[in-house]
Amino acid sequence: MSAAYPPSTAWDSARARPPSGVTAETLVLIGLILQVIGGALVIGGIAWFFGYSAFHPFPYVWAVVTAAAVVVVAVVIFLYFAYTLSYERIRRGEYRAAQAPTLVLGILSLFLGLIPGILYLVGYAKLDAAIREQQGGLGGGPGAVPTALIACRGCGRVHPVGAYVHCPECGQKLSA
C-alpha cells in the first residue's frame, strides 16, 4: 500500500462479514435484479396495452386501467420492500432482522417468478448459516467455541487463527 491510498474502513468491515452472509447478499441481489427486470417487462406490457387501447377503444377500458394501475403500484411496492427489508438489512449485517422478510419474499416470489423465489429461499437458508457463523466463529454450530484471533505485526489488522498464512493487507507472515 502506498501513503497516497490509505486503507478504507469500509473494506475492513466488509471483510469481517461471515461468508454465508456475503452469499446471502449476492443471492438476494440477483433475485432482486431479476424481479426488477420482470417488473419492467410487466410495466412495459401495460404501457403497450395502453397505447393499443388508445387506438382501439372498448367499453370496459376503465376496469383495465384500474387493474393496470393496481398491478404497477403492487410491483413498485413489492420491489421497494424487497430492497429495504431484505437486501439493505443483509448488506448492513442485520441477518436476524432480514430472515423473516426474506422468507416471506421468497414464498411470494415463487408465485410471481420462480427463479427469484428460489434465490430468496436459498438466501434465507444462508442467513441462518450467517447467524450461526456470527455467534460461533468460523466453525459455526450452536456449541462452537469462538475462533481465536491473531494480530498482524506489520499493520495491526486482526484475523482468525489459521485463516491466512500471510496478512492479506500487508503481506507479512502471521505467527503467534
N, C-alpha and C. Protein backbone atom coordinates (compact mmCIF):
# COMPACT_ATOMS: atom_id res chain seq x y z
N MET A 1 0.84 -1.17 0.00
CA MET A 1 0.00 0.00 0.00
C MET A 1 0.88 1.24 0.00
N SER A 2 0.42 2.25 -0.64
CA SER A 2 1.18 3.49 -0.65
C SER A 2 0.54 4.48 0.31
N ALA A 3 1.28 5.51 0.61
CA ALA A 3 0.78 6.54 1.52
C ALA A 3 -0.35 7.34 0.87
N ALA A 4 -0.39 7.35 -0.45
CA ALA A 4 -1.42 8.14 -1.14
C ALA A 4 -2.80 7.50 -1.04
N TYR A 5 -2.84 6.20 -0.82
CA TYR A 5 -4.11 5.49 -0.74
C TYR A 5 -4.20 4.76 0.59
N PRO A 6 -4.67 5.43 1.63
CA PRO A 6 -4.79 4.75 2.92
C PRO A 6 -5.90 3.70 2.87
N PRO A 7 -5.77 2.67 3.70
CA PRO A 7 -6.80 1.63 3.70
C PRO A 7 -8.13 2.18 4.21
N SER A 8 -9.21 1.75 3.57
CA SER A 8 -10.53 2.25 3.96
C SER A 8 -11.12 1.37 5.05
N THR A 9 -11.93 1.96 5.90
CA THR A 9 -12.58 1.18 6.95
C THR A 9 -13.75 0.38 6.40
N ALA A 10 -14.34 0.82 5.27
CA ALA A 10 -15.45 0.06 4.68
C ALA A 10 -14.97 -1.30 4.20
N TRP A 11 -13.75 -1.36 3.67
CA TRP A 11 -13.19 -2.63 3.20
C TRP A 11 -12.99 -3.57 4.38
N ASP A 12 -12.54 -3.03 5.51
CA ASP A 12 -12.29 -3.87 6.68
C ASP A 12 -13.59 -4.43 7.24
N SER A 13 -14.65 -3.62 7.29
CA SER A 13 -15.92 -4.11 7.83
C SER A 13 -16.54 -5.14 6.90
N ALA A 14 -16.36 -4.98 5.58
CA ALA A 14 -16.90 -5.97 4.64
C ALA A 14 -16.16 -7.28 4.77
N ARG A 15 -14.87 -7.22 5.06
CA ARG A 15 -14.08 -8.43 5.18
C ARG A 15 -14.45 -9.21 6.43
N ALA A 16 -14.94 -8.54 7.47
CA ALA A 16 -15.27 -9.19 8.72
C ALA A 16 -16.60 -9.94 8.65
N ARG A 17 -17.34 -9.77 7.58
CA ARG A 17 -18.64 -10.43 7.46
C ARG A 17 -18.47 -11.92 7.21
N PRO A 18 -19.39 -12.72 7.74
CA PRO A 18 -19.30 -14.17 7.51
C PRO A 18 -19.52 -14.51 6.04
N PRO A 19 -18.87 -15.56 5.57
CA PRO A 19 -19.02 -15.94 4.15
C PRO A 19 -20.47 -16.23 3.76
N SER A 20 -21.24 -16.83 4.64
CA SER A 20 -22.64 -17.11 4.31
C SER A 20 -23.44 -15.83 4.18
N GLY A 21 -23.06 -14.80 4.92
CA GLY A 21 -23.74 -13.51 4.80
C GLY A 21 -23.49 -12.87 3.45
N VAL A 22 -22.26 -12.98 2.98
CA VAL A 22 -21.93 -12.44 1.65
C VAL A 22 -22.68 -13.22 0.57
N THR A 23 -22.77 -14.53 0.73
CA THR A 23 -23.50 -15.35 -0.24
C THR A 23 -24.99 -15.00 -0.23
N ALA A 24 -25.56 -14.82 0.96
CA ALA A 24 -26.97 -14.45 1.06
C ALA A 24 -27.22 -13.11 0.40
N GLU A 25 -26.30 -12.16 0.61
CA GLU A 25 -26.46 -10.84 -0.02
C GLU A 25 -26.44 -10.96 -1.54
N THR A 26 -25.54 -11.76 -2.06
CA THR A 26 -25.45 -11.94 -3.51
C THR A 26 -26.71 -12.60 -4.07
N LEU A 27 -27.19 -13.63 -3.40
CA LEU A 27 -28.39 -14.32 -3.88
C LEU A 27 -29.61 -13.41 -3.88
N VAL A 28 -29.77 -12.64 -2.80
CA VAL A 28 -30.92 -11.74 -2.72
C VAL A 28 -30.78 -10.63 -3.76
N LEU A 29 -29.57 -10.14 -3.99
CA LEU A 29 -29.36 -9.11 -5.01
C LEU A 29 -29.71 -9.63 -6.40
N ILE A 30 -29.29 -10.84 -6.71
CA ILE A 30 -29.62 -11.41 -8.02
C ILE A 30 -31.13 -11.60 -8.16
N GLY A 31 -31.78 -12.10 -7.10
CA GLY A 31 -33.24 -12.24 -7.12
C GLY A 31 -33.93 -10.90 -7.31
N LEU A 32 -33.40 -9.87 -6.64
CA LEU A 32 -33.97 -8.53 -6.77
C LEU A 32 -33.79 -7.99 -8.18
N ILE A 33 -32.64 -8.22 -8.77
CA ILE A 33 -32.40 -7.77 -10.15
C ILE A 33 -33.35 -8.47 -11.12
N LEU A 34 -33.53 -9.77 -10.94
CA LEU A 34 -34.46 -10.50 -11.80
C LEU A 34 -35.89 -9.99 -11.63
N GLN A 35 -36.25 -9.62 -10.40
CA GLN A 35 -37.59 -9.09 -10.19
C GLN A 35 -37.74 -7.69 -10.78
N VAL A 36 -36.68 -6.90 -10.75
CA VAL A 36 -36.73 -5.58 -11.40
C VAL A 36 -36.94 -5.75 -12.90
N ILE A 37 -36.22 -6.70 -13.49
CA ILE A 37 -36.38 -6.95 -14.92
C ILE A 37 -37.81 -7.42 -15.21
N GLY A 38 -38.32 -8.35 -14.39
CA GLY A 38 -39.70 -8.82 -14.57
C GLY A 38 -40.71 -7.70 -14.38
N GLY A 39 -40.47 -6.85 -13.38
CA GLY A 39 -41.37 -5.72 -13.15
C GLY A 39 -41.35 -4.74 -14.31
N ALA A 40 -40.16 -4.51 -14.88
CA ALA A 40 -40.05 -3.62 -16.03
C ALA A 40 -40.79 -4.20 -17.23
N LEU A 41 -40.72 -5.51 -17.40
CA LEU A 41 -41.45 -6.14 -18.51
C LEU A 41 -42.96 -6.04 -18.31
N VAL A 42 -43.42 -6.22 -17.08
CA VAL A 42 -44.86 -6.09 -16.79
C VAL A 42 -45.32 -4.66 -17.05
N ILE A 43 -44.57 -3.69 -16.53
CA ILE A 43 -44.94 -2.29 -16.72
C ILE A 43 -44.86 -1.91 -18.20
N GLY A 44 -43.87 -2.44 -18.93
CA GLY A 44 -43.78 -2.19 -20.37
C GLY A 44 -44.96 -2.79 -21.12
N GLY A 45 -45.39 -3.99 -20.71
CA GLY A 45 -46.55 -4.61 -21.33
C GLY A 45 -47.83 -3.82 -21.07
N ILE A 46 -47.94 -3.29 -19.87
CA ILE A 46 -49.11 -2.47 -19.56
C ILE A 46 -49.08 -1.18 -20.37
N ALA A 47 -47.90 -0.58 -20.50
CA ALA A 47 -47.79 0.65 -21.31
C ALA A 47 -48.14 0.36 -22.77
N TRP A 48 -47.71 -0.78 -23.27
CA TRP A 48 -48.05 -1.15 -24.65
C TRP A 48 -49.56 -1.31 -24.79
N PHE A 49 -50.19 -1.94 -23.80
CA PHE A 49 -51.63 -2.14 -23.85
C PHE A 49 -52.38 -0.81 -23.83
N PHE A 50 -51.87 0.16 -23.05
CA PHE A 50 -52.49 1.49 -23.05
C PHE A 50 -52.38 2.14 -24.42
N GLY A 51 -51.24 1.99 -25.05
CA GLY A 51 -51.09 2.53 -26.41
C GLY A 51 -52.03 1.85 -27.38
N TYR A 52 -52.18 0.55 -27.25
CA TYR A 52 -53.09 -0.20 -28.12
C TYR A 52 -54.54 0.23 -27.90
N SER A 53 -54.92 0.38 -26.61
CA SER A 53 -56.31 0.72 -26.32
C SER A 53 -56.63 2.17 -26.70
N ALA A 54 -55.63 3.01 -26.87
CA ALA A 54 -55.91 4.38 -27.31
C ALA A 54 -56.41 4.38 -28.76
N PHE A 55 -55.93 3.43 -29.55
CA PHE A 55 -56.35 3.37 -30.95
C PHE A 55 -57.52 2.41 -31.17
N HIS A 56 -57.75 1.50 -30.22
CA HIS A 56 -58.84 0.53 -30.32
C HIS A 56 -59.64 0.54 -29.02
N PRO A 57 -60.43 1.58 -28.82
CA PRO A 57 -61.16 1.69 -27.54
C PRO A 57 -62.23 0.60 -27.42
N PHE A 58 -62.53 0.24 -26.18
CA PHE A 58 -63.60 -0.71 -25.90
C PHE A 58 -64.33 -0.24 -24.65
N PRO A 59 -65.52 -0.77 -24.40
CA PRO A 59 -66.39 -0.19 -23.36
C PRO A 59 -65.88 -0.31 -21.93
N TYR A 60 -65.04 -1.30 -21.62
CA TYR A 60 -64.62 -1.50 -20.23
C TYR A 60 -63.16 -1.11 -20.02
N VAL A 61 -62.74 -0.07 -20.70
CA VAL A 61 -61.35 0.36 -20.58
C VAL A 61 -61.05 0.86 -19.17
N TRP A 62 -62.04 1.42 -18.48
CA TRP A 62 -61.82 1.92 -17.11
C TRP A 62 -61.43 0.80 -16.16
N ALA A 63 -61.99 -0.40 -16.35
CA ALA A 63 -61.65 -1.53 -15.49
C ALA A 63 -60.23 -2.00 -15.75
N VAL A 64 -59.85 -1.99 -17.01
CA VAL A 64 -58.50 -2.41 -17.36
C VAL A 64 -57.48 -1.39 -16.85
N VAL A 65 -57.78 -0.12 -16.97
CA VAL A 65 -56.89 0.93 -16.47
C VAL A 65 -56.72 0.82 -14.96
N THR A 66 -57.80 0.57 -14.26
CA THR A 66 -57.73 0.42 -12.80
C THR A 66 -56.89 -0.80 -12.42
N ALA A 67 -57.12 -1.92 -13.10
CA ALA A 67 -56.35 -3.13 -12.81
C ALA A 67 -54.87 -2.93 -13.13
N ALA A 68 -54.58 -2.25 -14.22
CA ALA A 68 -53.19 -1.99 -14.59
C ALA A 68 -52.51 -1.08 -13.57
N ALA A 69 -53.22 -0.09 -13.10
CA ALA A 69 -52.65 0.81 -12.08
C ALA A 69 -52.37 0.05 -10.79
N VAL A 70 -53.26 -0.84 -10.41
CA VAL A 70 -53.04 -1.65 -9.20
C VAL A 70 -51.82 -2.54 -9.37
N VAL A 71 -51.66 -3.15 -10.54
CA VAL A 71 -50.51 -4.01 -10.80
C VAL A 71 -49.21 -3.21 -10.74
N VAL A 72 -49.17 -2.05 -11.36
CA VAL A 72 -47.96 -1.21 -11.35
C VAL A 72 -47.60 -0.81 -9.92
N VAL A 73 -48.59 -0.38 -9.15
CA VAL A 73 -48.33 0.01 -7.76
C VAL A 73 -47.86 -1.19 -6.94
N ALA A 74 -48.46 -2.35 -7.15
CA ALA A 74 -48.06 -3.55 -6.42
C ALA A 74 -46.62 -3.96 -6.75
N VAL A 75 -46.24 -3.86 -8.02
CA VAL A 75 -44.87 -4.20 -8.42
C VAL A 75 -43.87 -3.26 -7.76
N VAL A 76 -44.15 -1.97 -7.79
CA VAL A 76 -43.23 -0.99 -7.20
C VAL A 76 -43.13 -1.19 -5.69
N ILE A 77 -44.25 -1.42 -5.02
CA ILE A 77 -44.23 -1.62 -3.57
C ILE A 77 -43.49 -2.91 -3.21
N PHE A 78 -43.70 -3.98 -3.97
CA PHE A 78 -43.02 -5.25 -3.71
C PHE A 78 -41.51 -5.08 -3.85
N LEU A 79 -41.08 -4.40 -4.91
CA LEU A 79 -39.64 -4.19 -5.11
C LEU A 79 -39.05 -3.31 -4.02
N TYR A 80 -39.79 -2.31 -3.59
CA TYR A 80 -39.32 -1.43 -2.52
C TYR A 80 -39.13 -2.22 -1.22
N PHE A 81 -40.12 -3.03 -0.86
CA PHE A 81 -40.00 -3.81 0.37
C PHE A 81 -38.90 -4.87 0.26
N ALA A 82 -38.75 -5.48 -0.90
CA ALA A 82 -37.67 -6.45 -1.08
C ALA A 82 -36.31 -5.80 -0.88
N TYR A 83 -36.17 -4.60 -1.38
CA TYR A 83 -34.89 -3.90 -1.25
C TYR A 83 -34.65 -3.46 0.19
N THR A 84 -35.62 -2.80 0.80
CA THR A 84 -35.39 -2.22 2.13
C THR A 84 -35.43 -3.25 3.24
N LEU A 85 -36.35 -4.19 3.21
CA LEU A 85 -36.49 -5.12 4.32
C LEU A 85 -35.55 -6.31 4.23
N SER A 86 -35.13 -6.66 3.04
CA SER A 86 -34.27 -7.83 2.90
C SER A 86 -32.84 -7.44 2.52
N TYR A 87 -32.66 -6.87 1.35
CA TYR A 87 -31.31 -6.62 0.85
C TYR A 87 -30.54 -5.61 1.71
N GLU A 88 -31.15 -4.51 2.05
CA GLU A 88 -30.46 -3.49 2.85
C GLU A 88 -30.06 -4.03 4.22
N ARG A 89 -30.93 -4.81 4.84
CA ARG A 89 -30.60 -5.38 6.15
C ARG A 89 -29.46 -6.38 6.04
N ILE A 90 -29.46 -7.17 4.99
CA ILE A 90 -28.37 -8.13 4.81
C ILE A 90 -27.06 -7.38 4.56
N ARG A 91 -27.12 -6.34 3.77
CA ARG A 91 -25.92 -5.56 3.46
C ARG A 91 -25.33 -4.92 4.72
N ARG A 92 -26.19 -4.53 5.65
CA ARG A 92 -25.73 -3.93 6.90
C ARG A 92 -25.30 -4.98 7.92
N GLY A 93 -25.52 -6.25 7.64
CA GLY A 93 -25.14 -7.31 8.57
C GLY A 93 -26.21 -7.65 9.58
N GLU A 94 -27.42 -7.18 9.40
CA GLU A 94 -28.54 -7.47 10.30
C GLU A 94 -29.25 -8.73 9.81
N TYR A 95 -28.58 -9.87 9.98
CA TYR A 95 -29.07 -11.11 9.38
C TYR A 95 -30.35 -11.60 10.05
N ARG A 96 -30.44 -11.48 11.36
CA ARG A 96 -31.64 -11.95 12.05
C ARG A 96 -32.86 -11.12 11.66
N ALA A 97 -32.67 -9.81 11.50
CA ALA A 97 -33.78 -8.94 11.10
C ALA A 97 -34.21 -9.18 9.66
N ALA A 98 -33.30 -9.67 8.83
CA ALA A 98 -33.61 -9.91 7.41
C ALA A 98 -34.21 -11.29 7.16
N GLN A 99 -34.17 -12.16 8.15
CA GLN A 99 -34.63 -13.54 7.92
C GLN A 99 -36.11 -13.62 7.54
N ALA A 100 -36.98 -13.09 8.37
CA ALA A 100 -38.42 -13.21 8.12
C ALA A 100 -38.84 -12.53 6.81
N PRO A 101 -38.40 -11.29 6.54
CA PRO A 101 -38.79 -10.69 5.26
C PRO A 101 -38.27 -11.48 4.04
N THR A 102 -37.07 -12.05 4.16
CA THR A 102 -36.52 -12.81 3.04
C THR A 102 -37.33 -14.08 2.81
N LEU A 103 -37.77 -14.73 3.88
CA LEU A 103 -38.60 -15.92 3.74
C LEU A 103 -39.95 -15.58 3.10
N VAL A 104 -40.59 -14.51 3.58
CA VAL A 104 -41.88 -14.11 3.03
C VAL A 104 -41.73 -13.72 1.56
N LEU A 105 -40.69 -12.95 1.24
CA LEU A 105 -40.47 -12.56 -0.15
C LEU A 105 -40.19 -13.78 -1.02
N GLY A 106 -39.46 -14.75 -0.47
CA GLY A 106 -39.18 -15.97 -1.23
C GLY A 106 -40.43 -16.74 -1.55
N ILE A 107 -41.32 -16.86 -0.57
CA ILE A 107 -42.57 -17.60 -0.80
C ILE A 107 -43.46 -16.85 -1.80
N LEU A 108 -43.59 -15.54 -1.62
CA LEU A 108 -44.41 -14.76 -2.56
C LEU A 108 -43.80 -14.76 -3.97
N SER A 109 -42.48 -14.74 -4.03
CA SER A 109 -41.82 -14.70 -5.34
C SER A 109 -41.93 -16.02 -6.08
N LEU A 110 -42.18 -17.10 -5.37
CA LEU A 110 -42.40 -18.37 -6.07
C LEU A 110 -43.62 -18.29 -6.98
N PHE A 111 -44.60 -17.48 -6.60
CA PHE A 111 -45.80 -17.33 -7.41
C PHE A 111 -45.61 -16.27 -8.50
N LEU A 112 -44.76 -15.27 -8.23
CA LEU A 112 -44.58 -14.17 -9.18
C LEU A 112 -43.46 -14.45 -10.18
N GLY A 113 -42.49 -15.21 -9.79
CA GLY A 113 -41.38 -15.56 -10.66
C GLY A 113 -40.59 -16.66 -9.97
N LEU A 114 -40.51 -17.80 -10.53
CA LEU A 114 -39.95 -18.98 -9.87
C LEU A 114 -38.49 -18.80 -9.48
N ILE A 115 -37.67 -18.31 -10.38
CA ILE A 115 -36.23 -18.21 -10.11
C ILE A 115 -35.92 -17.22 -8.99
N PRO A 116 -36.48 -16.01 -8.97
CA PRO A 116 -36.21 -15.13 -7.84
C PRO A 116 -36.70 -15.73 -6.51
N GLY A 117 -37.80 -16.44 -6.52
CA GLY A 117 -38.29 -17.07 -5.31
C GLY A 117 -37.33 -18.10 -4.77
N ILE A 118 -36.77 -18.90 -5.65
CA ILE A 118 -35.78 -19.90 -5.24
C ILE A 118 -34.53 -19.21 -4.69
N LEU A 119 -34.09 -18.14 -5.34
CA LEU A 119 -32.91 -17.42 -4.87
C LEU A 119 -33.15 -16.82 -3.49
N TYR A 120 -34.34 -16.26 -3.25
CA TYR A 120 -34.66 -15.72 -1.93
C TYR A 120 -34.67 -16.82 -0.87
N LEU A 121 -35.22 -17.98 -1.20
CA LEU A 121 -35.28 -19.07 -0.22
C LEU A 121 -33.89 -19.63 0.10
N VAL A 122 -33.04 -19.73 -0.91
CA VAL A 122 -31.66 -20.17 -0.64
C VAL A 122 -30.93 -19.09 0.16
N GLY A 123 -31.21 -17.82 -0.15
CA GLY A 123 -30.63 -16.73 0.63
C GLY A 123 -31.09 -16.78 2.09
N TYR A 124 -32.34 -17.15 2.30
CA TYR A 124 -32.85 -17.31 3.67
C TYR A 124 -32.08 -18.40 4.42
N ALA A 125 -31.81 -19.51 3.74
CA ALA A 125 -31.03 -20.59 4.38
C ALA A 125 -29.61 -20.11 4.69
N LYS A 126 -29.04 -19.31 3.80
CA LYS A 126 -27.70 -18.78 4.04
C LYS A 126 -27.69 -17.78 5.19
N LEU A 127 -28.80 -17.07 5.39
CA LEU A 127 -28.88 -16.14 6.52
C LEU A 127 -28.81 -16.90 7.84
N ASP A 128 -29.45 -18.06 7.90
CA ASP A 128 -29.37 -18.88 9.10
C ASP A 128 -27.93 -19.30 9.37
N ALA A 129 -27.23 -19.70 8.32
CA ALA A 129 -25.82 -20.07 8.48
C ALA A 129 -24.97 -18.86 8.88
N ALA A 130 -25.29 -17.69 8.35
CA ALA A 130 -24.53 -16.49 8.69
C ALA A 130 -24.73 -16.12 10.16
N ILE A 131 -25.93 -16.30 10.67
CA ILE A 131 -26.19 -16.03 12.09
C ILE A 131 -25.36 -16.99 12.95
N ARG A 132 -25.33 -18.26 12.57
CA ARG A 132 -24.52 -19.23 13.32
C ARG A 132 -23.05 -18.88 13.25
N GLU A 133 -22.58 -18.44 12.09
CA GLU A 133 -21.18 -18.07 11.95
C GLU A 133 -20.85 -16.84 12.79
N GLN A 134 -21.76 -15.89 12.87
CA GLN A 134 -21.53 -14.71 13.71
C GLN A 134 -21.46 -15.08 15.18
N GLN A 135 -22.32 -15.99 15.61
CA GLN A 135 -22.37 -16.34 17.02
C GLN A 135 -21.24 -17.27 17.44
N GLY A 136 -20.86 -18.17 16.56
CA GLY A 136 -19.90 -19.19 16.98
C GLY A 136 -18.58 -19.15 16.25
N GLY A 137 -18.21 -18.06 15.64
CA GLY A 137 -16.94 -18.02 14.91
C GLY A 137 -17.07 -18.70 13.58
N LEU A 138 -15.95 -19.01 12.97
CA LEU A 138 -15.97 -19.62 11.64
C LEU A 138 -16.44 -21.05 11.65
N GLY A 139 -16.32 -21.75 12.79
CA GLY A 139 -16.73 -23.14 12.86
C GLY A 139 -18.23 -23.31 12.81
N GLY A 140 -18.98 -22.34 13.29
CA GLY A 140 -20.43 -22.41 13.29
C GLY A 140 -20.94 -23.39 14.32
N GLY A 141 -22.21 -23.65 14.31
CA GLY A 141 -22.81 -24.58 15.23
C GLY A 141 -23.17 -23.91 16.54
N PRO A 142 -24.19 -24.45 17.24
CA PRO A 142 -24.65 -23.81 18.46
C PRO A 142 -23.64 -23.87 19.60
N GLY A 143 -22.82 -24.92 19.68
CA GLY A 143 -21.88 -25.02 20.79
C GLY A 143 -20.45 -24.75 20.40
N ALA A 144 -20.26 -24.08 19.26
CA ALA A 144 -18.91 -23.86 18.76
C ALA A 144 -18.18 -22.84 19.63
N VAL A 145 -16.89 -23.08 19.78
CA VAL A 145 -16.05 -22.16 20.53
C VAL A 145 -15.65 -21.03 19.60
N PRO A 146 -15.71 -19.78 20.06
CA PRO A 146 -15.30 -18.68 19.20
C PRO A 146 -13.87 -18.85 18.72
N THR A 147 -13.63 -18.46 17.49
CA THR A 147 -12.33 -18.63 16.87
C THR A 147 -11.32 -17.69 17.53
N ALA A 148 -10.11 -18.20 17.74
CA ALA A 148 -9.04 -17.36 18.28
C ALA A 148 -8.59 -16.38 17.21
N LEU A 149 -8.11 -15.23 17.64
CA LEU A 149 -7.70 -14.19 16.72
C LEU A 149 -6.21 -13.92 16.88
N ILE A 150 -5.61 -13.46 15.79
CA ILE A 150 -4.20 -13.09 15.80
C ILE A 150 -4.06 -11.74 15.12
N ALA A 151 -3.21 -10.90 15.68
CA ALA A 151 -2.97 -9.57 15.11
C ALA A 151 -1.71 -9.60 14.27
N CYS A 152 -1.75 -8.93 13.13
CA CYS A 152 -0.59 -8.83 12.26
C CYS A 152 0.40 -7.85 12.90
N ARG A 153 1.67 -8.22 12.90
CA ARG A 153 2.69 -7.35 13.48
C ARG A 153 3.04 -6.19 12.56
N GLY A 154 2.71 -6.33 11.28
CA GLY A 154 3.04 -5.27 10.32
C GLY A 154 2.02 -4.14 10.30
N CYS A 155 0.74 -4.49 10.19
CA CYS A 155 -0.28 -3.46 10.04
C CYS A 155 -1.27 -3.40 11.20
N GLY A 156 -1.26 -4.42 12.07
CA GLY A 156 -2.15 -4.41 13.22
C GLY A 156 -3.53 -4.97 12.96
N ARG A 157 -3.81 -5.42 11.76
CA ARG A 157 -5.12 -6.00 11.47
C ARG A 157 -5.29 -7.32 12.22
N VAL A 158 -6.52 -7.61 12.61
CA VAL A 158 -6.81 -8.82 13.37
C VAL A 158 -7.49 -9.82 12.43
N HIS A 159 -7.01 -11.07 12.46
CA HIS A 159 -7.55 -12.13 11.60
C HIS A 159 -7.77 -13.39 12.43
N PRO A 160 -8.70 -14.28 12.02
CA PRO A 160 -8.86 -15.56 12.72
C PRO A 160 -7.61 -16.42 12.54
N VAL A 161 -7.25 -17.13 13.59
CA VAL A 161 -6.07 -18.00 13.54
C VAL A 161 -6.32 -19.10 12.51
N GLY A 162 -5.35 -19.30 11.64
CA GLY A 162 -5.43 -20.35 10.63
C GLY A 162 -6.14 -19.94 9.35
N ALA A 163 -6.74 -18.77 9.33
CA ALA A 163 -7.44 -18.34 8.12
C ALA A 163 -6.46 -17.91 7.03
N TYR A 164 -5.35 -17.31 7.42
CA TYR A 164 -4.35 -16.82 6.47
C TYR A 164 -2.96 -17.19 6.96
N VAL A 165 -2.07 -17.49 6.03
CA VAL A 165 -0.66 -17.68 6.38
C VAL A 165 0.02 -16.32 6.38
N HIS A 166 -0.33 -15.49 5.41
CA HIS A 166 0.20 -14.13 5.31
C HIS A 166 -0.96 -13.15 5.42
N CYS A 167 -0.68 -11.98 5.98
CA CYS A 167 -1.70 -10.95 6.14
C CYS A 167 -2.18 -10.49 4.76
N PRO A 168 -3.49 -10.48 4.51
CA PRO A 168 -3.98 -10.03 3.21
C PRO A 168 -3.81 -8.53 2.99
N GLU A 169 -3.56 -7.78 4.05
CA GLU A 169 -3.38 -6.33 3.91
C GLU A 169 -1.95 -5.96 3.54
N CYS A 170 -0.98 -6.47 4.33
CA CYS A 170 0.40 -6.03 4.13
C CYS A 170 1.32 -7.14 3.63
N GLY A 171 0.88 -8.38 3.69
CA GLY A 171 1.69 -9.48 3.17
C GLY A 171 2.65 -10.09 4.16
N GLN A 172 2.73 -9.57 5.38
CA GLN A 172 3.65 -10.12 6.37
C GLN A 172 3.13 -11.45 6.89
N LYS A 173 4.07 -12.36 7.22
CA LYS A 173 3.69 -13.68 7.72
C LYS A 173 3.04 -13.54 9.09
N LEU A 174 1.92 -14.23 9.25
CA LEU A 174 1.21 -14.21 10.54
C LEU A 174 1.75 -15.33 11.41
N SER A 175 2.21 -15.00 12.60
CA SER A 175 2.72 -16.02 13.51
C SER A 175 2.33 -15.64 14.93
N ALA A 176 2.18 -16.66 15.76
CA ALA A 176 1.74 -16.43 17.15
C ALA A 176 2.83 -15.93 18.03
